[in-house]
Amino acid sequence: MGEEKENAEERVVDISLKDLPKKLEEFVRARDWEKYHSPRNLLLAMVGEVGELSEIFQWRGEVDKGLPNWEESDKEHLGEELSDVLLYLIRLSDICGIDLVDAATKKLVKNAIKYPAKVL
């Protein structure tokens, strides 16, 4: 198991956001999961993961930036749940034919126009 995990980690090092849709497609295809990856199913799965992410913060009150008072195991768990949400979002956008990086970049431009920075 340890060697298998190490090999898997080596294969995914230095992946950009642009590369993730292809990597996810390969992952899904290798497991014959395409039939389960409809937009609706992916959205509902992502919402479930957002719920799991919310549970991490549910009873903590306000949390300081950088999570200075958190245990490393809690931070690792948070990273896993954030990753689940991100991967479902990327897969959903890919299945819907949306270039997420392009859409996000355009949205940043729109938001900059809609909410201009105040000059002091």
C-alpha atoms as a PDB file:
ATOM      1  CA  MET A   1       0.000   0.000   0.000  1.00  0.00           C
ATOM      2  CA  GLY A   2       2.783   2.467   0.900  1.00  0.00           C
ATOM      3  CA  GLU A   3       4.566   2.001  -2.423  1.00  0.00           C
ATOM      4  CA  GLU A   4       1.287   2.333  -4.340  1.00  0.00           C
ATOM      5  CA  LYS A   5       0.515   5.626  -2.554  1.00  0.00           C
ATOM      6  CA  GLU A   6       4.027   6.911  -3.236  1.00  0.00           C
ATOM      7  CA  ASN A   7       3.729   6.056  -6.956  1.00  0.00           C
ATOM      8  CA  ALA A   8       0.336   7.770  -7.155  1.00  0.00           C
ATOM      9  CA  GLU A   9       1.726  10.889  -5.494  1.00  0.00           C
ATOM     10  CA  GLU A  10       4.646  10.985  -7.941  1.00  0.00           C
ATOM     11  CA  ARG A  11       2.220  10.892 -10.885  1.00  0.00           C
ATOM     12  CA  VAL A  12       0.276  13.943  -9.703  1.00  0.00           C
ATOM     13  CA  VAL A  13       3.096  16.265  -8.685  1.00  0.00           C
ATOM     14  CA  ASP A  14       3.159  19.702 -10.341  1.00  0.00           C
ATOM     15  CA  ILE A  15      -0.292  19.602 -11.924  1.00  0.00           C
ATOM     16  CA  SER A  16      -1.763  22.971 -12.856  1.00  0.00           C
ATOM     17  CA  LEU A  17      -5.432  23.842 -12.673  1.00  0.00           C
ATOM     18  CA  LYS A  18      -5.518  23.608 -16.477  1.00  0.00           C
ATOM     19  CA  ASP A  19      -4.268  19.989 -16.277  1.00  0.00           C
ATOM     20  CA  LEU A  20      -6.777  18.767 -13.707  1.00  0.00           C
ATOM     21  CA  PRO A  21      -9.750  18.155 -16.054  1.00  0.00           C
ATOM     22  CA  LYS A  22      -7.659  15.750 -18.147  1.00  0.00           C
ATOM     23  CA  LYS A  23      -6.291  13.991 -15.051  1.00  0.00           C
ATOM     24  CA  LEU A  24      -9.803  13.629 -13.653  1.00  0.00           C
ATOM     25  CA  GLU A  25     -11.062  12.262 -16.976  1.00  0.00           C
ATOM     26  CA  GLU A  26      -8.276   9.656 -16.964  1.00  0.00           C
ATOM     27  CA  PHE A  27      -9.098   8.742 -13.361  1.00  0.00           C
ATOM     28  CA  VAL A  28     -12.809   8.367 -14.124  1.00  0.00           C
ATOM     29  CA  ARG A  29     -12.258   6.435 -17.346  1.00  0.00           C
ATOM     30  CA  ALA A  30      -9.881   3.978 -15.655  1.00  0.00           C
ATOM     31  CA  ARG A  31     -12.666   3.123 -13.201  1.00  0.00           C
ATOM     32  CA  ASP A  32     -15.507   3.128 -15.733  1.00  0.00           C
ATOM     33  CA  TRP A  33     -17.355   5.846 -13.822  1.00  0.00           C
ATOM     34  CA  GLU A  34     -18.412   7.978 -16.817  1.00  0.00           C
ATOM     35  CA  LYS A  35     -21.990   6.724 -16.576  1.00  0.00           C
ATOM     36  CA  TYR A  36     -22.280   8.241 -13.097  1.00  0.00           C
ATOM     37  CA  HIS A  37     -20.866  11.644 -14.002  1.00  0.00           C
ATOM     38  CA  SER A  38     -23.896  13.541 -15.210  1.00  0.00           C
ATOM     39  CA  PRO A  39     -24.021  17.252 -14.364  1.00  0.00           C
ATOM     40  CA  ARG A  40     -26.779  16.628 -11.804  1.00  0.00           C
ATOM     41  CA  ASN A  41     -24.926  13.793 -10.074  1.00  0.00           C
ATOM     42  CA  LEU A  42     -21.690  15.762  -9.938  1.00  0.00           C
ATOM     43  CA  LEU A  43     -23.453  18.816  -8.532  1.00  0.00           C
ATOM     44  CA  LEU A  44     -25.183  16.796  -5.831  1.00  0.00           C
ATOM     45  CA  ALA A  45     -21.918  15.059  -4.930  1.00  0.00           C
ATOM     46  CA  MET A  46     -20.193  18.443  -4.699  1.00  0.00           C
ATOM     47  CA  VAL A  47     -22.956  19.798  -2.441  1.00  0.00           C
ATOM     48  CA  GLY A  48     -22.433  16.781  -0.187  1.00  0.00           C
ATOM     49  CA  GLU A  49     -18.731  17.571  -0.008  1.00  0.00           C
ATOM     50  CA  VAL A  50     -19.499  21.225   0.796  1.00  0.00           C
ATOM     51  CA  GLY A  51     -21.575  19.879   3.690  1.00  0.00           C
ATOM     52  CA  GLU A  52     -18.603  17.869   4.924  1.00  0.00           C
ATOM     53  CA  LEU A  53     -16.441  20.975   4.601  1.00  0.00           C
ATOM     54  CA  SER A  54     -18.987  22.983   6.591  1.00  0.00           C
ATOM     55  CA  GLU A  55     -18.951  20.424   9.408  1.00  0.00           C
ATOM     56  CA  ILE A  56     -15.274  21.132   9.996  1.00  0.00           C
ATOM     57  CA  PHE A  57     -16.064  24.760  10.860  1.00  0.00           C
ATOM     58  CA  GLN A  58     -19.508  24.228  12.382  1.00  0.00           C
ATOM     59  CA  TRP A  59     -18.713  24.583  16.096  1.00  0.00           C
ATOM     60  CA  ARG A  60     -15.406  26.447  15.984  1.00  0.00           C
ATOM     61  CA  GLY A  61     -16.718  30.009  15.919  1.00  0.00           C
ATOM     62  CA  GLU A  62     -14.522  32.502  14.096  1.00  0.00           C
ATOM     63  CA  VAL A  63     -11.214  31.084  12.925  1.00  0.00           C
ATOM     64  CA  ASP A  64      -8.005  33.069  12.538  1.00  0.00           C
ATOM     65  CA  LYS A  65      -6.321  33.303   9.160  1.00  0.00           C
ATOM     66  CA  GLY A  66      -3.758  30.557   8.738  1.00  0.00           C
ATOM     67  CA  LEU A  67      -5.517  28.392  11.334  1.00  0.00           C
ATOM     68  CA  PRO A  68      -2.779  28.912  13.954  1.00  0.00           C
ATOM     69  CA  ASN A  69      -4.614  27.019  16.706  1.00  0.00           C
ATOM     70  CA  TRP A  70      -5.498  23.963  14.620  1.00  0.00           C
ATOM     71  CA  GLU A  71      -3.856  20.557  14.877  1.00  0.00           C
ATOM     72  CA  GLU A  72      -2.017  19.397  11.772  1.00  0.00           C
ATOM     73  CA  SER A  73      -4.464  16.503  11.433  1.00  0.00           C
ATOM     74  CA  ASP A  74      -7.366  19.000  11.340  1.00  0.00           C
ATOM     75  CA  LYS A  75      -5.598  21.034   8.660  1.00  0.00           C
ATOM     76  CA  GLU A  76      -4.976  17.880   6.651  1.00  0.00           C
ATOM     77  CA  HIS A  77      -8.657  16.939   6.921  1.00  0.00           C
ATOM     78  CA  LEU A  78      -9.622  20.444   5.801  1.00  0.00           C
ATOM     79  CA  GLY A  79      -7.298  20.143   2.803  1.00  0.00           C
ATOM     80  CA  GLU A  80      -8.914  16.846   1.835  1.00  0.00           C
ATOM     81  CA  GLU A  81     -12.430  18.269   1.980  1.00  0.00           C
ATOM     82  CA  LEU A  82     -11.428  21.418   0.075  1.00  0.00           C
ATOM     83  CA  SER A  83      -9.853  19.175  -2.537  1.00  0.00           C
ATOM     84  CA  ASP A  84     -13.015  17.088  -2.848  1.00  0.00           C
ATOM     85  CA  VAL A  85     -15.038  20.242  -3.535  1.00  0.00           C
ATOM     86  CA  LEU A  86     -12.472  21.514  -6.041  1.00  0.00           C
ATOM     87  CA  LEU A  87     -12.256  18.216  -7.906  1.00  0.00           C
ATOM     88  CA  TYR A  88     -16.038  17.910  -8.212  1.00  0.00           C
ATOM     89  CA  LEU A  89     -16.247  21.533  -9.386  1.00  0.00           C
ATOM     90  CA  ILE A  90     -13.579  20.944 -12.026  1.00  0.00           C
ATOM     91  CA  ARG A  91     -15.219  17.716 -13.175  1.00  0.00           C
ATOM     92  CA  LEU A  92     -18.656  19.393 -13.327  1.00  0.00           C
ATOM     93  CA  SER A  93     -17.315  22.291 -15.373  1.00  0.00           C
ATOM     94  CA  ASP A  94     -15.545  19.893 -17.740  1.00  0.00           C
ATOM     95  CA  ILE A  95     -18.671  17.755 -18.244  1.00  0.00           C
ATOM     96  CA  CYS A  96     -20.648  20.948 -18.944  1.00  0.00           C
ATOM     97  CA  GLY A  97     -18.066  22.156 -21.473  1.00  0.00           C
ATOM     98  CA  ILE A  98     -16.997  25.146 -19.385  1.00  0.00           C
ATOM     99  CA  ASP A  99     -13.335  26.142 -19.261  1.00  0.00           C
ATOM    100  CA  LEU A 100     -13.257  26.975 -15.571  1.00  0.00           C
ATOM    101  CA  VAL A 101      -9.966  28.900 -15.676  1.00  0.00           C
ATOM    102  CA  ASP A 102     -11.235  31.031 -18.566  1.00  0.00           C
ATOM    103  CA  ALA A 103     -14.630  31.571 -16.910  1.00  0.00           C
ATOM    104  CA  ALA A 104     -13.017  32.540 -13.594  1.00  0.00           C
ATOM    105  CA  THR A 105     -10.638  34.945 -15.319  1.00  0.00           C
ATOM    106  CA  LYS A 106     -13.523  36.616 -17.161  1.00  0.00           C
ATOM    107  CA  LYS A 107     -15.499  36.799 -13.913  1.00  0.00           C
ATOM    108  CA  LEU A 108     -12.587  38.564 -12.182  1.00  0.00           C
ATOM    109  CA  VAL A 109     -12.560  41.162 -14.962  1.00  0.00           C
ATOM    110  CA  LYS A 110     -16.338  41.646 -14.672  1.00  0.00           C
ATOM    111  CA  ASN A 111     -16.077  42.003 -10.903  1.00  0.00           C
ATOM    112  CA  ALA A 112     -13.246  44.541 -11.226  1.00  0.00           C
ATOM    113  CA  ILE A 113     -15.488  46.673 -13.423  1.00  0.00           C
ATOM    114  CA  LYS A 114     -18.561  46.199 -11.239  1.00  0.00           C
ATOM    115  CA  TYR A 115     -16.661  46.819  -7.987  1.00  0.00           C
ATOM    116  CA  PRO A 116     -13.804  49.217  -8.774  1.00  0.00           C
ATOM    117  CA  ALA A 117     -11.086  49.681  -6.190  1.00  0.00           C
ATOM    118  CA  LYS A 118     -11.389  52.896  -4.243  1.00  0.00           C
ATOM    119  CA  VAL A 119      -8.531  55.265  -4.816  1.00  0.00           C
ATOM    120  CA  LEU A 120      -7.430  56.887  -1.562  1.00  0.00           C
END
